[in-house]
Amino acid sequence: MTGLIRLVYANLFSQLLSTADDVAKLQEELETMRPLLEEAKVETDATMEQIAQDTVCLKNCSSFFKLKPHKCLITSLRLGGTSNNLCFF
């Protein structure tokens, strides 16, 4: 019985060491990727801000011209708006 307990503890200790190695590798990967993640966050924030601005523009257009938002988008693009600036009105 004592031998079985030692075997179980040895197995658990081996798993614990393996887990510690896995955590160390993941921490290294995180440090390597951190600049890329921060850059992606900045790009995502900018995209979300542009979407919010475009949504306001399309809502304003929709209520002013009594058009559905997709028709406002088409109209804005035809009048010279760009995908970066839909508030052409």
PDB file of N, CA and C in Angstrom:
ATOM      1  N   MET A   1       0.821  -1.190   0.000  1.00  0.00           N
ATOM      2  CA  MET A   1       0.000   0.000   0.000  1.00  0.00           C
ATOM      3  C   MET A   1       0.866   1.256   0.000  1.00  0.00           C
ATOM      4  N   THR A   2       1.934   1.258   0.786  1.00  0.00           N
ATOM      5  CA  THR A   2       2.819   2.410   0.848  1.00  0.00           C
ATOM      6  C   THR A   2       3.476   2.659  -0.506  1.00  0.00           C
ATOM      7  N   GLY A   3       3.838   1.589  -1.207  1.00  0.00           N
ATOM      8  CA  GLY A   3       4.440   1.723  -2.528  1.00  0.00           C
ATOM      9  C   GLY A   3       3.474   2.351  -3.526  1.00  0.00           C
ATOM     10  N   LEU A   4       2.199   2.017  -3.405  1.00  0.00           N
ATOM     11  CA  LEU A   4       1.184   2.576  -4.285  1.00  0.00           C
ATOM     12  C   LEU A   4       1.022   4.074  -4.026  1.00  0.00           C
ATOM     13  N   ILE A   5       1.042   4.463  -2.769  1.00  0.00           N
ATOM     14  CA  ILE A   5       0.915   5.882  -2.414  1.00  0.00           C
ATOM     15  C   ILE A   5       2.107   6.662  -2.951  1.00  0.00           C
ATOM     16  N   ARG A   6       3.315   6.090  -2.816  1.00  0.00           N
ATOM     17  CA  ARG A   6       4.500   6.753  -3.348  1.00  0.00           C
ATOM     18  C   ARG A   6       4.400   6.921  -4.874  1.00  0.00           C
ATOM     19  N   LEU A   7       3.906   5.901  -5.534  1.00  0.00           N
ATOM     20  CA  LEU A   7       3.747   5.955  -6.988  1.00  0.00           C
ATOM     21  C   LEU A   7       2.750   7.061  -7.376  1.00  0.00           C
ATOM     22  N   VAL A   8       1.658   7.160  -6.656  1.00  0.00           N
ATOM     23  CA  VAL A   8       0.659   8.193  -6.925  1.00  0.00           C
ATOM     24  C   VAL A   8       1.274   9.572  -6.711  1.00  0.00           C
ATOM     25  N   TYR A   9       1.980   9.748  -5.589  1.00  0.00           N
ATOM     26  CA  TYR A   9       2.616  11.045  -5.322  1.00  0.00           C
ATOM     27  C   TYR A   9       3.667  11.384  -6.383  1.00  0.00           C
ATOM     28  N   ALA A  10       4.420  10.401  -6.806  1.00  0.00           N
ATOM     29  CA  ALA A  10       5.441  10.635  -7.833  1.00  0.00           C
ATOM     30  C   ALA A  10       4.774  11.065  -9.138  1.00  0.00           C
ATOM     31  N   ASN A  11       3.667  10.441  -9.478  1.00  0.00           N
ATOM     32  CA  ASN A  11       2.941  10.795 -10.687  1.00  0.00           C
ATOM     33  C   ASN A  11       2.377  12.222 -10.576  1.00  0.00           C
ATOM     34  N   LEU A  12       1.799  12.543  -9.438  1.00  0.00           N
ATOM     35  CA  LEU A  12       1.258  13.886  -9.228  1.00  0.00           C
ATOM     36  C   LEU A  12       2.359  14.942  -9.293  1.00  0.00           C
ATOM     37  N   PHE A  13       3.513  14.641  -8.703  1.00  0.00           N
ATOM     38  CA  PHE A  13       4.636  15.575  -8.723  1.00  0.00           C
ATOM     39  C   PHE A  13       5.128  15.784 -10.154  1.00  0.00           C
ATOM     40  N   SER A  14       5.170  14.718 -10.921  1.00  0.00           N
ATOM     41  CA  SER A  14       5.588  14.816 -12.319  1.00  0.00           C
ATOM     42  C   SER A  14       4.610  15.689 -13.107  1.00  0.00           C
ATOM     43  N   GLN A  15       3.317  15.514 -12.875  1.00  0.00           N
ATOM     44  CA  GLN A  15       2.308  16.331 -13.545  1.00  0.00           C
ATOM     45  C   GLN A  15       2.435  17.798 -13.144  1.00  0.00           C
ATOM     46  N   LEU A  16       2.729  18.039 -11.888  1.00  0.00           N
ATOM     47  CA  LEU A  16       2.897  19.410 -11.403  1.00  0.00           C
ATOM     48  C   LEU A  16       4.096  20.080 -12.074  1.00  0.00           C
ATOM     49  N   LEU A  17       5.190  19.383 -12.204  1.00  0.00           N
ATOM     50  CA  LEU A  17       6.361  19.925 -12.878  1.00  0.00           C
ATOM     51  C   LEU A  17       6.071  20.194 -14.357  1.00  0.00           C
ATOM     52  N   SER A  18       5.360  19.283 -14.982  1.00  0.00           N
ATOM     53  CA  SER A  18       4.996  19.457 -16.382  1.00  0.00           C
ATOM     54  C   SER A  18       4.105  20.688 -16.559  1.00  0.00           C
ATOM     55  N   THR A  19       3.185  20.873 -15.636  1.00  0.00           N
ATOM     56  CA  THR A  19       2.305  22.040 -15.687  1.00  0.00           C
ATOM     57  C   THR A  19       3.105  23.323 -15.504  1.00  0.00           C
ATOM     58  N   ALA A  20       4.063  23.313 -14.618  1.00  0.00           N
ATOM     59  CA  ALA A  20       4.911  24.484 -14.400  1.00  0.00           C
ATOM     60  C   ALA A  20       5.692  24.825 -15.666  1.00  0.00           C
ATOM     61  N   ASP A  21       6.182  23.810 -16.365  1.00  0.00           N
ATOM     62  CA  ASP A  21       6.879  24.038 -17.639  1.00  0.00           C
ATOM     63  C   ASP A  21       5.935  24.647 -18.672  1.00  0.00           C
ATOM     64  N   ASP A  22       4.711  24.132 -18.741  1.00  0.00           N
ATOM     65  CA  ASP A  22       3.720  24.659 -19.690  1.00  0.00           C
ATOM     66  C   ASP A  22       3.413  26.128 -19.395  1.00  0.00           C
ATOM     67  N   VAL A  23       3.264  26.467 -18.121  1.00  0.00           N
ATOM     68  CA  VAL A  23       2.973  27.852 -17.732  1.00  0.00           C
ATOM     69  C   VAL A  23       4.139  28.759 -18.121  1.00  0.00           C
ATOM     70  N   ALA A  24       5.351  28.321 -17.916  1.00  0.00           N
ATOM     71  CA  ALA A  24       6.523  29.121 -18.277  1.00  0.00           C
ATOM     72  C   ALA A  24       6.564  29.374 -19.789  1.00  0.00           C
ATOM     73  N   LYS A  25       6.261  28.356 -20.576  1.00  0.00           N
ATOM     74  CA  LYS A  25       6.241  28.522 -22.036  1.00  0.00           C
ATOM     75  C   LYS A  25       5.151  29.507 -22.460  1.00  0.00           C
ATOM     76  N   LEU A  26       3.978  29.386 -21.846  1.00  0.00           N
ATOM     77  CA  LEU A  26       2.876  30.290 -22.185  1.00  0.00           C
ATOM     78  C   LEU A  26       3.195  31.732 -21.792  1.00  0.00           C
ATOM     79  N   GLN A  27       3.884  31.919 -20.668  1.00  0.00           N
ATOM     80  CA  GLN A  27       4.278  33.269 -20.260  1.00  0.00           C
ATOM     81  C   GLN A  27       5.268  33.869 -21.260  1.00  0.00           C
ATOM     82  N   GLU A  28       6.173  33.070 -21.756  1.00  0.00           N
ATOM     83  CA  GLU A  28       7.119  33.543 -22.778  1.00  0.00           C
ATOM     84  C   GLU A  28       6.375  33.952 -24.047  1.00  0.00           C
ATOM     85  N   GLU A  29       5.417  33.131 -24.463  1.00  0.00           N
ATOM     86  CA  GLU A  29       4.632  33.449 -25.655  1.00  0.00           C
ATOM     87  C   GLU A  29       3.847  34.744 -25.465  1.00  0.00           C
ATOM     88  N   LEU A  30       3.291  34.921 -24.277  1.00  0.00           N
ATOM     89  CA  LEU A  30       2.532  36.130 -23.992  1.00  0.00           C
ATOM     90  C   LEU A  30       3.425  37.356 -24.082  1.00  0.00           C
ATOM     91  N   GLU A  31       4.613  37.292 -23.528  1.00  0.00           N
ATOM     92  CA  GLU A  31       5.535  38.421 -23.589  1.00  0.00           C
ATOM     93  C   GLU A  31       5.943  38.728 -25.024  1.00  0.00           C
ATOM     94  N   THR A  32       6.111  37.682 -25.823  1.00  0.00           N
ATOM     95  CA  THR A  32       6.464  37.871 -27.224  1.00  0.00           C
ATOM     96  C   THR A  32       5.314  38.513 -27.995  1.00  0.00           C
ATOM     97  N   MET A  33       4.104  38.124 -27.678  1.00  0.00           N
ATOM     98  CA  MET A  33       2.928  38.602 -28.402  1.00  0.00           C
ATOM     99  C   MET A  33       2.372  39.920 -27.880  1.00  0.00           C
ATOM    100  N   ARG A  34       2.795  40.344 -26.710  1.00  0.00           N
ATOM    101  CA  ARG A  34       2.227  41.546 -26.093  1.00  0.00           C
ATOM    102  C   ARG A  34       2.230  42.766 -27.023  1.00  0.00           C
ATOM    103  N   PRO A  35       3.333  43.084 -27.715  1.00  0.00           N
ATOM    104  CA  PRO A  35       3.297  44.243 -28.623  1.00  0.00           C
ATOM    105  C   PRO A  35       2.261  44.079 -29.743  1.00  0.00           C
ATOM    106  N   LEU A  36       2.139  42.876 -30.266  1.00  0.00           N
ATOM    107  CA  LEU A  36       1.145  42.631 -31.315  1.00  0.00           C
ATOM    108  C   LEU A  36      -0.272  42.778 -30.775  1.00  0.00           C
ATOM    109  N   LEU A  37      -0.489  42.308 -29.562  1.00  0.00           N
ATOM    110  CA  LEU A  37      -1.809  42.433 -28.948  1.00  0.00           C
ATOM    111  C   LEU A  37      -2.159  43.894 -28.689  1.00  0.00           C
ATOM    112  N   GLU A  38      -1.189  44.676 -28.241  1.00  0.00           N
ATOM    113  CA  GLU A  38      -1.433  46.092 -27.997  1.00  0.00           C
ATOM    114  C   GLU A  38      -1.728  46.824 -29.309  1.00  0.00           C
ATOM    115  N   GLU A  39      -1.004  46.478 -30.367  1.00  0.00           N
ATOM    116  CA  GLU A  39      -1.252  47.082 -31.679  1.00  0.00           C
ATOM    117  C   GLU A  39      -2.651  46.717 -32.176  1.00  0.00           C
ATOM    118  N   ALA A  40      -3.033  45.467 -32.005  1.00  0.00           N
ATOM    119  CA  ALA A  40      -4.368  45.029 -32.429  1.00  0.00           C
ATOM    120  C   ALA A  40      -5.446  45.753 -31.633  1.00  0.00           C
ATOM    121  N   LYS A  41      -5.193  46.016 -30.355  1.00  0.00           N
ATOM    122  CA  LYS A  41      -6.161  46.743 -29.529  1.00  0.00           C
ATOM    123  C   LYS A  41      -6.351  48.162 -30.050  1.00  0.00           C
ATOM    124  N   VAL A  42      -5.254  48.829 -30.386  1.00  0.00           N
ATOM    125  CA  VAL A  42      -5.335  50.191 -30.914  1.00  0.00           C
ATOM    126  C   VAL A  42      -6.124  50.202 -32.224  1.00  0.00           C
ATOM    127  N   GLU A  43      -5.822  49.260 -33.106  1.00  0.00           N
ATOM    128  CA  GLU A  43      -6.536  49.180 -34.381  1.00  0.00           C
ATOM    129  C   GLU A  43      -8.019  48.880 -34.173  1.00  0.00           C
ATOM    130  N   THR A  44      -8.320  47.990 -33.239  1.00  0.00           N
ATOM    131  CA  THR A  44      -9.711  47.643 -32.947  1.00  0.00           C
ATOM    132  C   THR A  44     -10.453  48.841 -32.381  1.00  0.00           C
ATOM    133  N   ASP A  45      -9.817  49.570 -31.472  1.00  0.00           N
ATOM    134  CA  ASP A  45     -10.452  50.765 -30.899  1.00  0.00           C
ATOM    135  C   ASP A  45     -10.745  51.796 -31.978  1.00  0.00           C
ATOM    136  N   ALA A  46      -9.798  51.989 -32.902  1.00  0.00           N
ATOM    137  CA  ALA A  46     -10.001  52.954 -33.985  1.00  0.00           C
ATOM    138  C   ALA A  46     -11.150  52.510 -34.892  1.00  0.00           C
ATOM    139  N   THR A  47     -11.201  51.225 -35.182  1.00  0.00           N
ATOM    140  CA  THR A  47     -12.287  50.707 -36.014  1.00  0.00           C
ATOM    141  C   THR A  47     -13.632  50.876 -35.330  1.00  0.00           C
ATOM    142  N   MET A  48     -13.691  50.593 -34.050  1.00  0.00           N
ATOM    143  CA  MET A  48     -14.944  50.746 -33.309  1.00  0.00           C
ATOM    144  C   MET A  48     -15.386  52.211 -33.274  1.00  0.00           C
ATOM    145  N   GLU A  49     -14.444  53.119 -33.128  1.00  0.00           N
ATOM    146  CA  GLU A  49     -14.762  54.548 -33.132  1.00  0.00           C
ATOM    147  C   GLU A  49     -15.302  54.957 -34.501  1.00  0.00           C
ATOM    148  N   GLN A  50     -14.679  54.469 -35.570  1.00  0.00           N
ATOM    149  CA  GLN A  50     -15.154  54.800 -36.922  1.00  0.00           C
ATOM    150  C   GLN A  50     -16.553  54.246 -37.156  1.00  0.00           C
ATOM    151  N   ILE A  51     -16.806  53.039 -36.679  1.00  0.00           N
ATOM    152  CA  ILE A  51     -18.142  52.443 -36.814  1.00  0.00           C
ATOM    153  C   ILE A  51     -19.166  53.290 -36.069  1.00  0.00           C
ATOM    154  N   ALA A  52     -18.816  53.743 -34.867  1.00  0.00           N
ATOM    155  CA  ALA A  52     -19.732  54.583 -34.091  1.00  0.00           C
ATOM    156  C   ALA A  52     -20.028  55.883 -34.837  1.00  0.00           C
ATOM    157  N   GLN A  53     -18.999  56.515 -35.401  1.00  0.00           N
ATOM    158  CA  GLN A  53     -19.197  57.755 -36.155  1.00  0.00           C
ATOM    159  C   GLN A  53     -20.054  57.509 -37.395  1.00  0.00           C
ATOM    160  N   ASP A  54     -19.767  56.441 -38.111  1.00  0.00           N
ATOM    161  CA  ASP A  54     -20.538  56.122 -39.314  1.00  0.00           C
ATOM    162  C   ASP A  54     -21.993  55.843 -38.966  1.00  0.00           C
ATOM    163  N   THR A  55     -22.213  55.174 -37.851  1.00  0.00           N
ATOM    164  CA  THR A  55     -23.583  54.871 -37.432  1.00  0.00           C
ATOM    165  C   THR A  55     -24.353  56.148 -37.156  1.00  0.00           C
ATOM    166  N   VAL A  56     -23.722  57.096 -36.466  1.00  0.00           N
ATOM    167  CA  VAL A  56     -24.368  58.380 -36.200  1.00  0.00           C
ATOM    168  C   VAL A  56     -24.674  59.095 -37.511  1.00  0.00           C
ATOM    169  N   CYS A  57     -23.709  59.103 -38.416  1.00  0.00           N
ATOM    170  CA  CYS A  57     -23.910  59.760 -39.715  1.00  0.00           C
ATOM    171  C   CYS A  57     -25.066  59.136 -40.478  1.00  0.00           C
ATOM    172  N   LEU A  58     -25.095  57.810 -40.508  1.00  0.00           N
ATOM    173  CA  LEU A  58     -26.159  57.141 -41.248  1.00  0.00           C
ATOM    174  C   LEU A  58     -27.519  57.355 -40.595  1.00  0.00           C
ATOM    175  N   LYS A  59     -27.555  57.417 -39.269  1.00  0.00           N
ATOM    176  CA  LYS A  59     -28.818  57.696 -38.582  1.00  0.00           C
ATOM    177  C   LYS A  59     -29.280  59.119 -38.880  1.00  0.00           C
ATOM    178  N   ASN A  60     -28.339  60.056 -38.879  1.00  0.00           N
ATOM    179  CA  ASN A  60     -28.694  61.442 -39.196  1.00  0.00           C
ATOM    180  C   ASN A  60     -29.199  61.545 -40.634  1.00  0.00           C
ATOM    181  N   CYS A  61     -28.512  60.914 -41.544  1.00  0.00           N
ATOM    182  CA  CYS A  61     -28.910  60.917 -42.947  1.00  0.00           C
ATOM    183  C   CYS A  61     -30.291  60.287 -43.087  1.00  0.00           C
ATOM    184  N   SER A  62     -30.460  59.160 -42.421  1.00  0.00           N
ATOM    185  CA  SER A  62     -31.715  58.431 -42.523  1.00  0.00           C
ATOM    186  C   SER A  62     -32.883  59.285 -42.054  1.00  0.00           C
ATOM    187  N   SER A  63     -32.716  59.981 -40.946  1.00  0.00           N
ATOM    188  CA  SER A  63     -33.818  60.797 -40.441  1.00  0.00           C
ATOM    189  C   SER A  63     -33.993  62.065 -41.275  1.00  0.00           C
ATOM    190  N   PHE A  64     -32.914  62.656 -41.782  1.00  0.00           N
ATOM    191  CA  PHE A  64     -33.002  63.900 -42.550  1.00  0.00           C
ATOM    192  C   PHE A  64     -33.612  63.656 -43.927  1.00  0.00           C
ATOM    193  N   PHE A  65     -33.146  62.620 -44.608  1.00  0.00           N
ATOM    194  CA  PHE A  65     -33.606  62.362 -45.969  1.00  0.00           C
ATOM    195  C   PHE A  65     -34.733  61.331 -46.033  1.00  0.00           C
ATOM    196  N   LYS A  66     -35.110  60.811 -44.884  1.00  0.00           N
ATOM    197  CA  LYS A  66     -36.158  59.782 -44.830  1.00  0.00           C
ATOM    198  C   LYS A  66     -35.812  58.566 -45.702  1.00  0.00           C
ATOM    199  N   LEU A  67     -34.533  58.188 -45.650  1.00  0.00           N
ATOM    200  CA  LEU A  67     -34.056  57.033 -46.391  1.00  0.00           C
ATOM    201  C   LEU A  67     -33.657  55.935 -45.417  1.00  0.00           C
ATOM    202  N   LYS A  68     -33.641  54.728 -45.897  1.00  0.00           N
ATOM    203  CA  LYS A  68     -33.125  53.633 -45.083  1.00  0.00           C
ATOM    204  C   LYS A  68     -31.611  53.761 -45.023  1.00  0.00           C
ATOM    205  N   PRO A  69     -30.980  53.319 -43.921  1.00  0.00           N
ATOM    206  CA  PRO A  69     -29.520  53.504 -43.762  1.00  0.00           C
ATOM    207  C   PRO A  69     -28.688  53.005 -44.929  1.00  0.00           C
ATOM    208  N   HIS A  70     -29.038  51.879 -45.534  1.00  0.00           N
ATOM    209  CA  HIS A  70     -28.211  51.376 -46.639  1.00  0.00           C
ATOM    210  C   HIS A  70     -28.309  52.311 -47.849  1.00  0.00           C
ATOM    211  N   LYS A  71     -29.430  52.976 -48.045  1.00  0.00           N
ATOM    212  CA  LYS A  71     -29.549  53.934 -49.153  1.00  0.00           C
ATOM    213  C   LYS A  71     -28.735  55.191 -48.845  1.00  0.00           C
ATOM    214  N   CYS A  72     -28.667  55.560 -47.566  1.00  0.00           N
ATOM    215  CA  CYS A  72     -27.821  56.698 -47.179  1.00  0.00           C
ATOM    216  C   CYS A  72     -26.360  56.384 -47.440  1.00  0.00           C
ATOM    217  N   LEU A  73     -25.959  55.181 -47.158  1.00  0.00           N
ATOM    218  CA  LEU A  73     -24.575  54.765 -47.401  1.00  0.00           C
ATOM    219  C   LEU A  73     -24.252  54.888 -48.887  1.00  0.00           C
ATOM    220  N   ILE A  74     -25.128  54.368 -49.724  1.00  0.00           N
ATOM    221  CA  ILE A  74     -24.914  54.441 -51.173  1.00  0.00           C
ATOM    222  C   ILE A  74     -24.885  55.899 -51.633  1.00  0.00           C
ATOM    223  N   THR A  75     -25.818  56.696 -51.122  1.00  0.00           N
ATOM    224  CA  THR A  75     -25.874  58.109 -51.497  1.00  0.00           C
ATOM    225  C   THR A  75     -24.612  58.836 -51.072  1.00  0.00           C
ATOM    226  N   SER A  76     -24.149  58.570 -49.862  1.00  0.00           N
ATOM    227  CA  SER A  76     -22.941  59.207 -49.356  1.00  0.00           C
ATOM    228  C   SER A  76     -21.735  58.864 -50.216  1.00  0.00           C
ATOM    229  N   LEU A  77     -21.620  57.610 -50.587  1.00  0.00           N
ATOM    230  CA  LEU A  77     -20.494  57.188 -51.423  1.00  0.00           C
ATOM    231  C   LEU A  77     -20.580  57.804 -52.814  1.00  0.00           C
ATOM    232  N   ARG A  78     -21.786  57.931 -53.343  1.00  0.00           N
ATOM    233  CA  ARG A  78     -21.947  58.550 -54.661  1.00  0.00           C
ATOM    234  C   ARG A  78     -21.594  60.039 -54.634  1.00  0.00           C
ATOM    235  N   LEU A  79     -21.854  60.696 -53.496  1.00  0.00           N
ATOM    236  CA  LEU A  79     -21.578  62.124 -53.385  1.00  0.00           C
ATOM    237  C   LEU A  79     -20.124  62.427 -53.040  1.00  0.00           C
ATOM    238  N   GLY A  80     -19.307  61.391 -52.906  1.00  0.00           N
ATOM    239  CA  GLY A  80     -17.887  61.620 -52.662  1.00  0.00           C
ATOM    240  C   GLY A  80     -17.409  61.193 -51.300  1.00  0.00           C
ATOM    241  N   GLY A  81     -18.299  60.670 -50.486  1.00  0.00           N
ATOM    242  CA  GLY A  81     -17.859  60.150 -49.193  1.00  0.00           C
ATOM    243  C   GLY A  81     -16.989  58.923 -49.416  1.00  0.00           C
ATOM    244  N   THR A  82     -16.230  58.567 -48.442  1.00  0.00           N
ATOM    245  CA  THR A  82     -15.383  57.382 -48.541  1.00  0.00           C
ATOM    246  C   THR A  82     -15.740  56.439 -47.414  1.00  0.00           C
ATOM    247  N   SER A  83     -15.176  55.251 -47.465  1.00  0.00           N
ATOM    248  CA  SER A  83     -15.434  54.305 -46.386  1.00  0.00           C
ATOM    249  C   SER A  83     -14.836  54.803 -45.075  1.00  0.00           C
ATOM    250  N   ASN A  84     -13.926  55.768 -45.127  1.00  0.00           N
ATOM    251  CA  ASN A  84     -13.344  56.342 -43.919  1.00  0.00           C
ATOM    252  C   ASN A  84     -14.098  57.573 -43.450  1.00  0.00           C
ATOM    253  N   ASN A  85     -15.008  58.097 -44.290  1.00  0.00           N
ATOM    254  CA  ASN A  85     -15.738  59.305 -43.914  1.00  0.00           C
ATOM    255  C   ASN A  85     -17.088  59.301 -44.612  1.00  0.00           C
ATOM    256  N   LEU A  86     -18.086  58.788 -43.922  1.00  0.00           N
ATOM    257  CA  LEU A  86     -19.418  58.711 -44.501  1.00  0.00           C
ATOM    258  C   LEU A  86     -20.221  59.987 -44.246  1.00  0.00           C
ATOM    259  N   CYS A  87     -19.754  60.864 -43.369  1.00  0.00           N
ATOM    260  CA  CYS A  87     -20.467  62.104 -43.066  1.00  0.00           C
ATOM    261  C   CYS A  87     -20.154  63.136 -44.140  1.00  0.00           C
ATOM    262  N   PHE A  88     -20.718  62.928 -45.270  1.00  0.00           N
ATOM    263  CA  PHE A  88     -20.459  63.825 -46.383  1.00  0.00           C
ATOM    264  C   PHE A  88     -21.565  64.868 -46.509  1.00  0.00           C
ATOM    265  N   PHE A  89     -22.621  64.672 -45.789  1.00  0.00           N
ATOM    266  CA  PHE A  89     -23.770  65.569 -45.914  1.00  0.00           C
ATOM    267  C   PHE A  89     -23.575  66.837 -45.137  1.00  0.00           C
TER     268      PHE A  89
END
